[in-house]
C-alpha atoms as a PDB file:
ATOM      1  CA  MET A   1      56.963 -29.746  49.004  1.00  0.00           C
ATOM      2  CA  GLY A   2      56.911 -25.992  49.388  1.00  0.00           C
ATOM      3  CA  CYS A   3      55.890 -23.287  47.005  1.00  0.00           C
ATOM      4  CA  ASP A   4      56.214 -19.519  47.182  1.00  0.00           C
ATOM      5  CA  GLU A   5      56.414 -16.658  44.719  1.00  0.00           C
ATOM      6  CA  LEU A   6      59.184 -14.127  44.194  1.00  0.00           C
ATOM      7  CA  SER A   7      58.961 -10.756  42.576  1.00  0.00           C
ATOM      8  CA  VAL A   8      61.597 -10.557  39.872  1.00  0.00           C
ATOM      9  CA  ARG A   9      61.161  -7.042  38.517  1.00  0.00           C
ATOM     10  CA  LYS A  10      59.087  -3.933  39.103  1.00  0.00           C
ATOM     11  CA  GLY A  11      55.483  -4.473  38.281  1.00  0.00           C
ATOM     12  CA  PRO A  12      53.530  -7.724  38.213  1.00  0.00           C
ATOM     13  CA  HIS A  13      56.414 -10.081  37.354  1.00  0.00           C
ATOM     14  CA  HIS A  14      56.546 -13.133  39.590  1.00  0.00           C
ATOM     15  CA  VAL A  15      58.209 -16.491  39.639  1.00  0.00           C
ATOM     16  CA  SER A  16      56.741 -19.435  41.592  1.00  0.00           C
ATOM     17  CA  VAL A  17      59.424 -21.615  43.097  1.00  0.00           C
ATOM     18  CA  PHE A  18      58.685 -25.226  44.060  1.00  0.00           C
ATOM     19  CA  CYS A  19      61.132 -26.629  46.621  1.00  0.00           C
ATOM     20  CA  ASP A  20      61.783 -29.939  48.296  1.00  0.00           C
ATOM     21  CA  LEU A  21      61.587 -28.906  51.968  1.00  0.00           C
ATOM     22  CA  ILE A  22      63.283 -32.067  53.223  1.00  0.00           C
ATOM     23  CA  GLY A  23      66.153 -32.122  50.755  1.00  0.00           C
ATOM     24  CA  LYS A  24      66.292 -28.310  50.756  1.00  0.00           C
ATOM     25  CA  ARG A  25      66.558 -27.998  46.980  1.00  0.00           C
ATOM     26  CA  VAL A  26      64.671 -26.029  44.306  1.00  0.00           C
ATOM     27  CA  ARG A  27      62.742 -28.493  42.150  1.00  0.00           C
ATOM     28  CA  PHE A  28      60.843 -26.324  39.698  1.00  0.00           C
ATOM     29  CA  PRO A  29      60.833 -22.546  39.114  1.00  0.00           C
ATOM     30  CA  THR A  30      58.217 -21.184  36.697  1.00  0.00           C
ATOM     31  CA  PRO A  31      56.924 -17.724  35.683  1.00  0.00           C
ATOM     32  CA  GLY A  32      53.628 -16.675  37.192  1.00  0.00           C
ATOM     33  CA  LYS A  33      51.779 -17.131  40.478  1.00  0.00           C
ATOM     34  CA  ASP A  34      48.428 -18.593  39.472  1.00  0.00           C
ATOM     35  CA  ALA A  35      46.810 -22.021  39.630  1.00  0.00           C
ATOM     36  CA  ALA A  36      48.216 -22.865  36.184  1.00  0.00           C
ATOM     37  CA  THR A  37      51.761 -22.925  37.595  1.00  0.00           C
ATOM     38  CA  TRP A  38      50.725 -26.075  39.515  1.00  0.00           C
ATOM     39  CA  ALA A  39      49.794 -27.821  36.259  1.00  0.00           C
ATOM     40  CA  GLY A  40      53.288 -27.043  34.944  1.00  0.00           C
ATOM     41  CA  PHE A  41      54.837 -28.394  38.130  1.00  0.00           C
ATOM     42  CA  VAL A  42      52.887 -31.657  37.906  1.00  0.00           C
ATOM     43  CA  GLU A  43      53.903 -32.039  34.267  1.00  0.00           C
ATOM     44  CA  ALA A  44      57.591 -31.507  35.111  1.00  0.00           C
ATOM     45  CA  LEU A  45      57.255 -33.886  38.045  1.00  0.00           C
ATOM     46  CA  GLY A  46      55.958 -36.608  35.641  1.00  0.00           C
ATOM     47  CA  ALA A  47      58.809 -35.945  33.221  1.00  0.00           C
ATOM     48  CA  HIS A  48      61.222 -36.789  36.032  1.00  0.00           C
ATOM     49  CA  ASN A  49      59.407 -40.016  37.037  1.00  0.00           C
ATOM     50  CA  GLY A  50      57.593 -38.383  39.950  1.00  0.00           C
ATOM     51  CA  HIS A  51      53.977 -38.738  40.746  1.00  0.00           C
ATOM     52  CA  PRO A  52      51.755 -36.018  42.194  1.00  0.00           C
ATOM     53  CA  ARG A  53      49.991 -38.578  44.495  1.00  0.00           C
ATOM     54  CA  ALA A  54      53.323 -39.079  46.270  1.00  0.00           C
ATOM     55  CA  ILE A  55      53.099 -35.506  47.671  1.00  0.00           C
ATOM     56  CA  THR A  56      51.167 -35.503  50.964  1.00  0.00           C
ATOM     57  CA  GLU A  57      51.951 -32.035  52.360  1.00  0.00           C
ATOM     58  CA  VAL A  58      52.530 -28.730  50.655  1.00  0.00           C
ATOM     59  CA  SER A  59      53.639 -25.506  52.358  1.00  0.00           C
ATOM     60  CA  ILE A  60      52.023 -22.529  50.632  1.00  0.00           C
ATOM     61  CA  ASP A  61      50.947 -18.992  51.345  1.00  0.00           C
ATOM     62  CA  MET A  62      47.276 -18.143  51.644  1.00  0.00           C
ATOM     63  CA  SER A  63      46.865 -17.318  47.996  1.00  0.00           C
ATOM     64  CA  PRO A  64      43.513 -18.564  46.581  1.00  0.00           C
ATOM     65  CA  ALA A  65      45.355 -19.479  43.366  1.00  0.00           C
ATOM     66  CA  TYR A  66      47.816 -21.728  45.232  1.00  0.00           C
ATOM     67  CA  ILE A  67      45.014 -23.340  47.283  1.00  0.00           C
ATOM     68  CA  ALA A  68      43.094 -24.100  44.052  1.00  0.00           C
ATOM     69  CA  GLY A  69      46.318 -25.331  42.382  1.00  0.00           C
ATOM     70  CA  VAL A  70      47.008 -27.813  45.184  1.00  0.00           C
ATOM     71  CA  ARG A  71      43.435 -29.092  45.199  1.00  0.00           C
ATOM     72  CA  GLY A  72      43.152 -29.324  41.385  1.00  0.00           C
ATOM     73  CA  ASN A  73      46.497 -30.872  40.602  1.00  0.00           C
ATOM     74  CA  LEU A  74      47.748 -32.898  43.541  1.00  0.00           C
ATOM     75  CA  GLY A  75      44.598 -34.699  44.612  1.00  0.00           C
ATOM     76  CA  ASP A  76      42.849 -35.233  47.921  1.00  0.00           C
ATOM     77  CA  GLN A  77      45.810 -36.787  49.737  1.00  0.00           C
ATOM     78  CA  ALA A  78      47.808 -33.535  49.540  1.00  0.00           C
ATOM     79  CA  VAL A  79      47.245 -31.251  52.495  1.00  0.00           C
ATOM     80  CA  GLY A  80      47.967 -27.526  52.109  1.00  0.00           C
ATOM     81  CA  VAL A  81      49.819 -26.118  55.114  1.00  0.00           C
ATOM     82  CA  PHE A  82      50.055 -22.343  55.373  1.00  0.00           C
ATOM     83  CA  ASP A  83      53.571 -21.074  56.023  1.00  0.00           C
ATOM     84  CA  LYS A  84      54.133 -19.491  59.392  1.00  0.00           C
ATOM     85  CA  PHE A  85      55.083 -16.091  57.993  1.00  0.00           C
ATOM     86  CA  HIS A  86      51.574 -15.542  56.650  1.00  0.00           C
ATOM     87  CA  VAL A  87      49.816 -17.074  59.684  1.00  0.00           C
ATOM     88  CA  ILE A  88      51.744 -14.754  62.048  1.00  0.00           C
ATOM     89  CA  MET A  89      51.089 -11.786  59.725  1.00  0.00           C
ATOM     90  CA  HIS A  90      47.333 -12.379  59.902  1.00  0.00           C
ATOM     91  CA  ALA A  91      47.405 -12.910  63.680  1.00  0.00           C
ATOM     92  CA  ASN A  92      49.382  -9.660  64.126  1.00  0.00           C
ATOM     93  CA  PHE A  93      46.891  -7.833  61.915  1.00  0.00           C
ATOM     94  CA  GLY A  94      44.026  -9.074  64.078  1.00  0.00           C
ATOM     95  CA  VAL A  95      45.742  -8.022  67.317  1.00  0.00           C
ATOM     96  CA  ASP A  96      46.401  -4.571  65.944  1.00  0.00           C
ATOM     97  CA  GLU A  97      42.842  -4.119  64.624  1.00  0.00           C
ATOM     98  CA  THR A  98      41.454  -5.092  68.082  1.00  0.00           C
ATOM     99  CA  ARG A  99      43.899  -2.766  69.815  1.00  0.00           C
ATOM    100  CA  ARG A 100      42.871   0.151  67.579  1.00  0.00           C
ATOM    101  CA  ALA A 101      39.181  -0.517  68.035  1.00  0.00           C
ATOM    102  CA  GLU A 102      39.519  -0.668  71.825  1.00  0.00           C
ATOM    103  CA  CYS A 103      41.667   2.475  71.906  1.00  0.00           C
ATOM    104  CA  ALA A 104      39.043   4.360  69.824  1.00  0.00           C
ATOM    105  CA  GLN A 105      36.274   3.324  72.233  1.00  0.00           C
ATOM    106  CA  ALA A 106      38.224   3.845  75.462  1.00  0.00           C
ATOM    107  CA  GLU A 107      38.070   7.108  77.401  1.00  0.00           C
ATOM    108  CA  GLY A 108      40.331   8.775  79.952  1.00  0.00           C
ATOM    109  CA  SER A 109      42.878   6.654  81.765  1.00  0.00           C
ATOM    110  CA  ALA A 110      41.888   3.491  79.849  1.00  0.00           C
ATOM    111  CA  ARG A 111      42.786   5.218  76.598  1.00  0.00           C
ATOM    112  CA  GLU A 112      46.139   6.366  78.040  1.00  0.00           C
ATOM    113  CA  ARG A 113      46.964   2.744  79.048  1.00  0.00           C
ATOM    114  CA  LEU A 114      46.261   1.523  75.532  1.00  0.00           C
ATOM    115  CA  LYS A 115      48.362   4.180  73.788  1.00  0.00           C
ATOM    116  CA  GLN A 116      51.691   3.022  72.419  1.00  0.00           C
ATOM    117  CA  THR A 117      51.114  -0.630  73.205  1.00  0.00           C
ATOM    118  CA  ARG A 118      51.363  -1.937  69.620  1.00  0.00           C
ATOM    119  CA  TRP A 119      54.892  -3.287  69.847  1.00  0.00           C
ATOM    120  CA  ILE A 120      54.379  -4.563  73.350  1.00  0.00           C
ATOM    121  CA  LEU A 121      51.496  -6.706  72.167  1.00  0.00           C
ATOM    122  CA  PHE A 122      53.505  -8.055  69.239  1.00  0.00           C
ATOM    123  CA  LYS A 123      56.443  -8.990  71.421  1.00  0.00           C
ATOM    124  CA  ASN A 124      56.802 -12.369  73.170  1.00  0.00           C
ATOM    125  CA  PRO A 125      55.830 -11.754  76.873  1.00  0.00           C
ATOM    126  CA  ALA A 126      58.943 -13.654  77.966  1.00  0.00           C
ATOM    127  CA  ASN A 127      61.027 -10.902  76.305  1.00  0.00           C
ATOM    128  CA  HIS A 128      59.250  -7.896  77.856  1.00  0.00           C
ATOM    129  CA  THR A 129      61.280  -5.467  79.892  1.00  0.00           C
ATOM    130  CA  ALA A 130      60.023  -4.741  83.402  1.00  0.00           C
ATOM    131  CA  LYS A 131      58.311  -1.541  82.200  1.00  0.00           C
ATOM    132  CA  GLN A 132      56.619  -3.333  79.318  1.00  0.00           C
ATOM    133  CA  ALA A 133      55.432  -6.134  81.602  1.00  0.00           C
ATOM    134  CA  GLU A 134      53.906  -3.564  83.932  1.00  0.00           C
ATOM    135  CA  ARG A 135      52.001  -1.892  81.101  1.00  0.00           C
END
């Protein structure tokens, strides 16, 4: 099972969409993006002869509300797996924060070498140009 939220209008208007990741179908869309949306999902699952204990893995973002919703409504057998978009986003943020801190502390030629390396560090090393690989 997978769950993610979508913004539907300007402002704080969101819809949580629960999807079957194997069958690639939307199973349950519901307004909101809090832990209560998981209770609605479990209720709809029961109405369609499904059981929450049958769900063993759930792909979610790193929202505390979604983490609490999985733990509170699906039981201990359901493992929350963070989607790769959010994992990569946090890793890139860490790389950039480190680069900025090192650039601020560096002096002279070391500082010049670190300048304009942001996109080089984000890029897969196998895809670097010769000039990027040298830097």
